[in-house]
């Protein structure tokens, strides 16, 4: 009778330990899947946020700069065309062209700063 009680107790303990072990394995798998899902969600959120930042930069910085650069290029083109006409200016023949004189005065001191 004592042996039967000991065997029953051992069997019961083994069942409890086995059940809790199986439960912990299942719980661990669920945890790993949940962590993987959270990582995927975080990566997706990060990608979405990055895309929003890029869109904002394009809208608020890149496009206005692009318009400004285009405007500056047009102004420089007009300026070059005007400068190229200096030799044919009637004032240039008399060495009294104010545009040419001003450009020559600043030609040697141009260091790239405004």
N, C-alpha and C. Protein backbone atom coordinates (compact mmCIF):
# COMPACT_ATOMS: atom_id res chain seq x y z
N UNK A 1 0.81 -1.18 0.00
CA UNK A 1 0.00 0.00 0.00
C UNK A 1 0.87 1.26 0.00
N UNK A 2 1.93 1.27 0.77
CA UNK A 2 2.81 2.41 0.84
C UNK A 2 3.48 2.63 -0.51
N UNK A 3 3.85 1.58 -1.16
CA UNK A 3 4.47 1.66 -2.47
C UNK A 3 3.51 2.27 -3.48
N UNK A 4 2.27 1.87 -3.39
CA UNK A 4 1.27 2.40 -4.31
C UNK A 4 1.08 3.91 -4.09
N UNK A 5 1.09 4.33 -2.84
CA UNK A 5 0.92 5.75 -2.54
C UNK A 5 2.14 6.54 -3.07
N UNK A 6 3.33 5.96 -2.87
CA UNK A 6 4.55 6.61 -3.35
C UNK A 6 4.53 6.70 -4.88
N UNK A 7 4.15 5.61 -5.52
CA UNK A 7 4.07 5.61 -6.99
C UNK A 7 3.01 6.60 -7.48
N UNK A 8 1.89 6.67 -6.81
CA UNK A 8 0.83 7.61 -7.18
C UNK A 8 1.31 9.05 -7.01
N UNK A 9 2.01 9.30 -5.90
CA UNK A 9 2.53 10.64 -5.65
C UNK A 9 3.57 11.02 -6.70
N UNK A 10 4.47 10.07 -7.03
CA UNK A 10 5.47 10.32 -8.06
C UNK A 10 4.79 10.57 -9.42
N UNK A 11 3.79 9.78 -9.72
CA UNK A 11 3.05 9.96 -10.97
C UNK A 11 2.35 11.30 -11.03
N UNK A 12 1.76 11.69 -9.90
CA UNK A 12 1.07 12.96 -9.83
C UNK A 12 2.06 14.12 -9.99
N UNK A 13 3.19 14.03 -9.30
CA UNK A 13 4.21 15.07 -9.42
C UNK A 13 4.76 15.14 -10.84
N UNK A 14 4.97 13.98 -11.45
CA UNK A 14 5.46 13.95 -12.83
C UNK A 14 4.45 14.59 -13.78
N UNK A 15 3.19 14.31 -13.57
CA UNK A 15 2.13 14.89 -14.41
C UNK A 15 2.09 16.41 -14.25
N UNK A 16 2.22 16.86 -13.00
CA UNK A 16 2.18 18.31 -12.75
C UNK A 16 3.39 18.99 -13.38
N UNK A 17 4.58 18.41 -13.17
CA UNK A 17 5.80 18.99 -13.73
C UNK A 17 5.74 18.93 -15.25
N UNK A 18 5.31 17.82 -15.82
CA UNK A 18 5.21 17.68 -17.27
C UNK A 18 4.23 18.67 -17.85
N UNK A 19 3.10 18.85 -17.19
CA UNK A 19 2.09 19.80 -17.67
C UNK A 19 2.63 21.22 -17.60
N UNK A 20 3.27 21.57 -16.50
CA UNK A 20 3.81 22.93 -16.39
C UNK A 20 4.94 23.14 -17.39
N UNK A 21 5.73 22.12 -17.67
CA UNK A 21 6.80 22.25 -18.66
C UNK A 21 6.21 22.49 -20.04
N UNK A 22 5.19 21.70 -20.39
CA UNK A 22 4.53 21.87 -21.70
C UNK A 22 3.90 23.26 -21.78
N UNK A 23 3.27 23.68 -20.69
CA UNK A 23 2.66 25.02 -20.66
C UNK A 23 3.72 26.10 -20.86
N UNK A 24 4.87 25.95 -20.20
CA UNK A 24 5.92 26.97 -20.34
C UNK A 24 6.48 26.99 -21.77
N UNK A 25 6.58 25.82 -22.40
CA UNK A 25 7.05 25.77 -23.78
C UNK A 25 6.06 26.48 -24.70
N UNK A 26 4.79 26.23 -24.50
CA UNK A 26 3.75 26.87 -25.32
C UNK A 26 3.76 28.38 -25.09
N UNK A 27 3.85 28.77 -23.81
CA UNK A 27 3.89 30.20 -23.48
C UNK A 27 5.10 30.87 -24.11
N UNK A 28 6.24 30.19 -24.10
CA UNK A 28 7.46 30.76 -24.69
C UNK A 28 7.29 30.97 -26.19
N UNK A 29 6.69 29.98 -26.86
CA UNK A 29 6.44 30.13 -28.30
C UNK A 29 5.52 31.31 -28.58
N UNK A 30 4.47 31.46 -27.77
CA UNK A 30 3.55 32.59 -27.94
C UNK A 30 4.29 33.91 -27.73
N UNK A 31 5.16 33.93 -26.72
CA UNK A 31 5.93 35.14 -26.42
C UNK A 31 6.85 35.49 -27.58
N UNK A 32 7.53 34.49 -28.13
CA UNK A 32 8.43 34.73 -29.27
C UNK A 32 7.66 35.25 -30.46
N UNK A 33 6.49 34.69 -30.73
CA UNK A 33 5.66 35.16 -31.84
C UNK A 33 5.18 36.59 -31.60
N UNK A 34 4.80 36.88 -30.36
CA UNK A 34 4.33 38.22 -30.03
C UNK A 34 5.46 39.25 -30.19
N UNK A 35 6.65 38.90 -29.76
CA UNK A 35 7.80 39.80 -29.90
C UNK A 35 8.10 40.03 -31.39
N UNK A 36 8.05 38.97 -32.18
CA UNK A 36 8.30 39.11 -33.62
C UNK A 36 7.25 40.02 -34.26
N UNK A 37 6.00 39.87 -33.84
CA UNK A 37 4.93 40.71 -34.38
C UNK A 37 5.15 42.17 -33.98
N UNK A 38 5.56 42.41 -32.73
CA UNK A 38 5.82 43.78 -32.28
C UNK A 38 6.98 44.39 -33.04
N UNK A 39 8.03 43.60 -33.32
CA UNK A 39 9.16 44.11 -34.09
C UNK A 39 8.71 44.50 -35.49
N UNK A 40 7.89 43.66 -36.11
CA UNK A 40 7.39 43.97 -37.45
C UNK A 40 6.55 45.25 -37.43
N UNK A 41 5.73 45.40 -36.41
CA UNK A 41 4.91 46.61 -36.29
C UNK A 41 5.79 47.84 -36.10
N UNK A 42 6.82 47.71 -35.26
CA UNK A 42 7.74 48.84 -35.04
C UNK A 42 8.48 49.20 -36.31
N UNK A 43 8.93 48.21 -37.06
CA UNK A 43 9.63 48.48 -38.31
C UNK A 43 8.71 49.17 -39.30
N UNK A 44 7.47 48.72 -39.35
CA UNK A 44 6.50 49.34 -40.25
C UNK A 44 6.24 50.79 -39.85
N UNK A 45 6.12 51.03 -38.55
CA UNK A 45 5.91 52.39 -38.06
C UNK A 45 7.12 53.27 -38.36
N UNK A 46 8.31 52.71 -38.19
CA UNK A 46 9.53 53.46 -38.48
C UNK A 46 9.60 53.82 -39.95
N UNK A 47 9.25 52.89 -40.81
CA UNK A 47 9.25 53.15 -42.25
C UNK A 47 8.23 54.23 -42.60
N UNK A 48 7.03 54.14 -42.01
CA UNK A 48 6.00 55.15 -42.26
C UNK A 48 6.47 56.54 -41.79
N UNK A 49 7.06 56.59 -40.60
CA UNK A 49 7.54 57.87 -40.08
C UNK A 49 8.67 58.43 -40.95
N UNK A 50 9.55 57.56 -41.40
CA UNK A 50 10.64 58.01 -42.27
C UNK A 50 10.09 58.57 -43.57
N UNK A 51 9.09 57.92 -44.12
CA UNK A 51 8.49 58.40 -45.36
C UNK A 51 7.82 59.75 -45.15
N UNK A 52 7.16 59.93 -44.00
CA UNK A 52 6.53 61.22 -43.70
C UNK A 52 7.59 62.32 -43.59
N UNK A 53 8.71 62.00 -42.96
CA UNK A 53 9.78 62.99 -42.81
C UNK A 53 10.34 63.37 -44.18
N UNK A 54 10.56 62.38 -45.04
CA UNK A 54 11.07 62.65 -46.38
C UNK A 54 10.08 63.52 -47.16
N UNK A 55 8.80 63.20 -47.05
CA UNK A 55 7.78 64.00 -47.75
C UNK A 55 7.77 65.44 -47.24
N UNK A 56 7.88 65.61 -45.91
CA UNK A 56 7.91 66.95 -45.34
C UNK A 56 9.14 67.72 -45.80
N UNK A 57 10.29 67.06 -45.83
CA UNK A 57 11.51 67.72 -46.29
C UNK A 57 11.38 68.14 -47.75
N UNK A 58 10.84 67.25 -48.57
CA UNK A 58 10.65 67.60 -49.98
C UNK A 58 9.72 68.79 -50.13
N UNK A 59 8.62 68.78 -49.40
CA UNK A 59 7.62 69.83 -49.52
C UNK A 59 8.12 71.15 -48.95
N UNK A 60 8.72 71.11 -47.77
CA UNK A 60 9.05 72.34 -47.06
C UNK A 60 10.45 72.89 -47.35
N UNK A 61 11.35 72.04 -47.82
CA UNK A 61 12.73 72.50 -48.02
C UNK A 61 13.18 72.33 -49.47
N UNK A 62 13.09 71.13 -49.98
CA UNK A 62 13.65 70.85 -51.31
C UNK A 62 12.92 71.63 -52.40
N UNK A 63 11.62 71.58 -52.41
CA UNK A 63 10.88 72.27 -53.48
C UNK A 63 11.09 73.79 -53.46
N UNK A 64 10.99 74.45 -52.29
CA UNK A 64 11.27 75.89 -52.29
C UNK A 64 12.69 76.21 -52.74
N UNK A 65 13.66 75.39 -52.34
CA UNK A 65 15.03 75.61 -52.78
C UNK A 65 15.16 75.40 -54.29
N UNK A 66 14.48 74.41 -54.80
CA UNK A 66 14.52 74.16 -56.24
C UNK A 66 13.98 75.36 -57.02
N UNK A 67 12.89 75.94 -56.53
CA UNK A 67 12.31 77.12 -57.17
C UNK A 67 13.29 78.29 -57.09
N UNK A 68 13.90 78.48 -55.91
CA UNK A 68 14.86 79.57 -55.72
C UNK A 68 16.08 79.40 -56.63
N UNK A 69 16.60 78.19 -56.75
CA UNK A 69 17.75 77.94 -57.61
C UNK A 69 17.40 78.23 -59.07
N UNK A 70 16.20 77.82 -59.47
CA UNK A 70 15.77 78.09 -60.85
C UNK A 70 15.69 79.60 -61.10
N UNK A 71 15.17 80.32 -60.12
CA UNK A 71 15.07 81.77 -60.25
C UNK A 71 16.46 82.40 -60.32
N UNK A 72 17.36 81.94 -59.48
CA UNK A 72 18.74 82.48 -59.49
C UNK A 72 19.44 82.18 -60.81
N UNK A 73 19.22 80.99 -61.35
CA UNK A 73 19.82 80.65 -62.64
C UNK A 73 19.33 81.59 -63.74
N UNK A 74 18.04 81.88 -63.71
CA UNK A 74 17.49 82.81 -64.71
C UNK A 74 18.08 84.20 -64.55
N UNK A 75 18.24 84.65 -63.31
CA UNK A 75 18.83 85.97 -63.08
C UNK A 75 20.28 86.00 -63.54
N UNK A 76 21.03 84.95 -63.26
CA UNK A 76 22.43 84.89 -63.70
C UNK A 76 22.52 84.88 -65.22
N UNK A 77 21.61 84.18 -65.86
CA UNK A 77 21.60 84.14 -67.32
C UNK A 77 21.36 85.55 -67.88
N UNK A 78 20.38 86.23 -67.31
CA UNK A 78 20.11 87.60 -67.76
C UNK A 78 21.30 88.52 -67.49
N UNK A 79 21.94 88.35 -66.35
CA UNK A 79 23.10 89.15 -65.99
C UNK A 79 24.25 88.91 -66.98
N UNK A 80 24.51 87.65 -67.31
CA UNK A 80 25.58 87.33 -68.27
C UNK A 80 25.30 87.92 -69.64
N UNK A 81 24.04 87.82 -70.05
CA UNK A 81 23.68 88.40 -71.35
C UNK A 81 23.92 89.91 -71.35
N UNK A 82 23.59 90.56 -70.25
CA UNK A 82 23.80 92.01 -70.16
C UNK A 82 25.30 92.34 -70.15
N UNK A 83 26.09 91.56 -69.43
CA UNK A 83 27.53 91.79 -69.36
C UNK A 83 28.18 91.62 -70.73
N UNK A 84 27.69 90.65 -71.47
CA UNK A 84 28.26 90.39 -72.79
C UNK A 84 28.00 91.55 -73.76
N UNK A 85 27.05 92.39 -73.43
CA UNK A 85 26.74 93.52 -74.30
C UNK A 85 27.57 94.76 -73.96
N UNK A 86 28.38 94.70 -72.92
CA UNK A 86 29.18 95.87 -72.52
C UNK A 86 30.08 96.37 -73.66
N UNK A 87 30.78 95.49 -74.39
CA UNK A 87 31.67 96.02 -75.44
C UNK A 87 30.95 96.84 -76.50
N UNK A 88 29.67 96.56 -76.72
CA UNK A 88 28.95 97.32 -77.74
C UNK A 88 28.25 98.56 -77.18
N UNK A 89 28.41 98.81 -75.89
CA UNK A 89 27.77 99.96 -75.24
C UNK A 89 28.49 101.25 -75.66
N UNK A 90 27.75 102.30 -75.95
CA UNK A 90 28.37 103.55 -76.37
C UNK A 90 29.19 104.17 -75.24
N UNK A 91 28.83 103.89 -74.01
CA UNK A 91 29.59 104.41 -72.88
C UNK A 91 30.91 103.67 -72.69
N UNK A 92 30.96 102.41 -73.13
CA UNK A 92 32.18 101.62 -72.97
C UNK A 92 33.29 102.17 -73.85
N UNK A 93 32.94 102.74 -74.98
CA UNK A 93 33.94 103.27 -75.91
C UNK A 93 34.66 104.47 -75.29
N UNK A 94 33.98 105.19 -74.46
CA UNK A 94 34.56 106.39 -73.85
C UNK A 94 35.26 106.08 -72.52
N UNK A 95 35.38 104.81 -72.19
CA UNK A 95 35.93 104.38 -70.90
C UNK A 95 35.15 104.98 -69.73
N UNK A 96 33.87 105.15 -69.94
CA UNK A 96 33.05 105.71 -68.87
C UNK A 96 31.83 104.86 -68.57
N UNK A 97 31.88 103.60 -68.93
CA UNK A 97 30.74 102.72 -68.68
C UNK A 97 30.69 102.40 -67.18
N UNK A 98 29.66 102.85 -66.50
CA UNK A 98 29.60 102.63 -65.06
C UNK A 98 29.48 101.14 -64.69
N UNK A 99 28.84 100.36 -65.51
CA UNK A 99 28.70 98.93 -65.22
C UNK A 99 30.05 98.25 -65.31
N UNK A 100 30.78 98.50 -66.40
CA UNK A 100 32.10 97.89 -66.57
C UNK A 100 33.05 98.35 -65.47
N UNK A 101 33.03 99.63 -65.16
CA UNK A 101 33.92 100.16 -64.13
C UNK A 101 33.63 99.50 -62.77
N UNK A 102 32.37 99.35 -62.46
CA UNK A 102 31.99 98.74 -61.17
C UNK A 102 32.40 97.27 -61.13
N UNK A 103 32.22 96.57 -62.23
CA UNK A 103 32.61 95.16 -62.27
C UNK A 103 34.12 95.00 -62.16
N UNK A 104 34.86 95.86 -62.83
CA UNK A 104 36.32 95.79 -62.76
C UNK A 104 36.82 96.16 -61.36
N UNK A 105 36.16 97.07 -60.70
CA UNK A 105 36.56 97.48 -59.36
C UNK A 105 36.40 96.29 -58.38
N UNK A 106 35.36 95.50 -58.55
CA UNK A 106 35.09 94.38 -57.64
C UNK A 106 35.71 93.07 -58.12
N UNK A 107 36.25 93.05 -59.31
CA UNK A 107 36.79 91.82 -59.88
C UNK A 107 37.93 91.26 -59.04
N UNK A 108 38.84 92.10 -58.61
CA UNK A 108 40.01 91.64 -57.85
C UNK A 108 39.68 91.31 -56.41
N UNK A 109 38.61 91.87 -55.86
CA UNK A 109 38.29 91.64 -54.46
C UNK A 109 37.22 90.57 -54.25
N UNK A 110 36.84 89.86 -55.28
CA UNK A 110 35.80 88.83 -55.17
C UNK A 110 36.37 87.61 -54.46
N UNK A 111 35.87 87.33 -53.25
CA UNK A 111 36.32 86.17 -52.50
C UNK A 111 35.19 85.17 -52.26
N UNK A 112 34.08 85.34 -52.95
CA UNK A 112 32.99 84.40 -52.84
C UNK A 112 31.99 84.76 -51.76
N UNK A 113 32.25 85.78 -50.98
CA UNK A 113 31.33 86.21 -49.95
C UNK A 113 30.48 87.35 -50.45
N UNK A 114 29.30 87.46 -49.87
CA UNK A 114 28.42 88.57 -50.24
C UNK A 114 28.77 89.78 -49.47
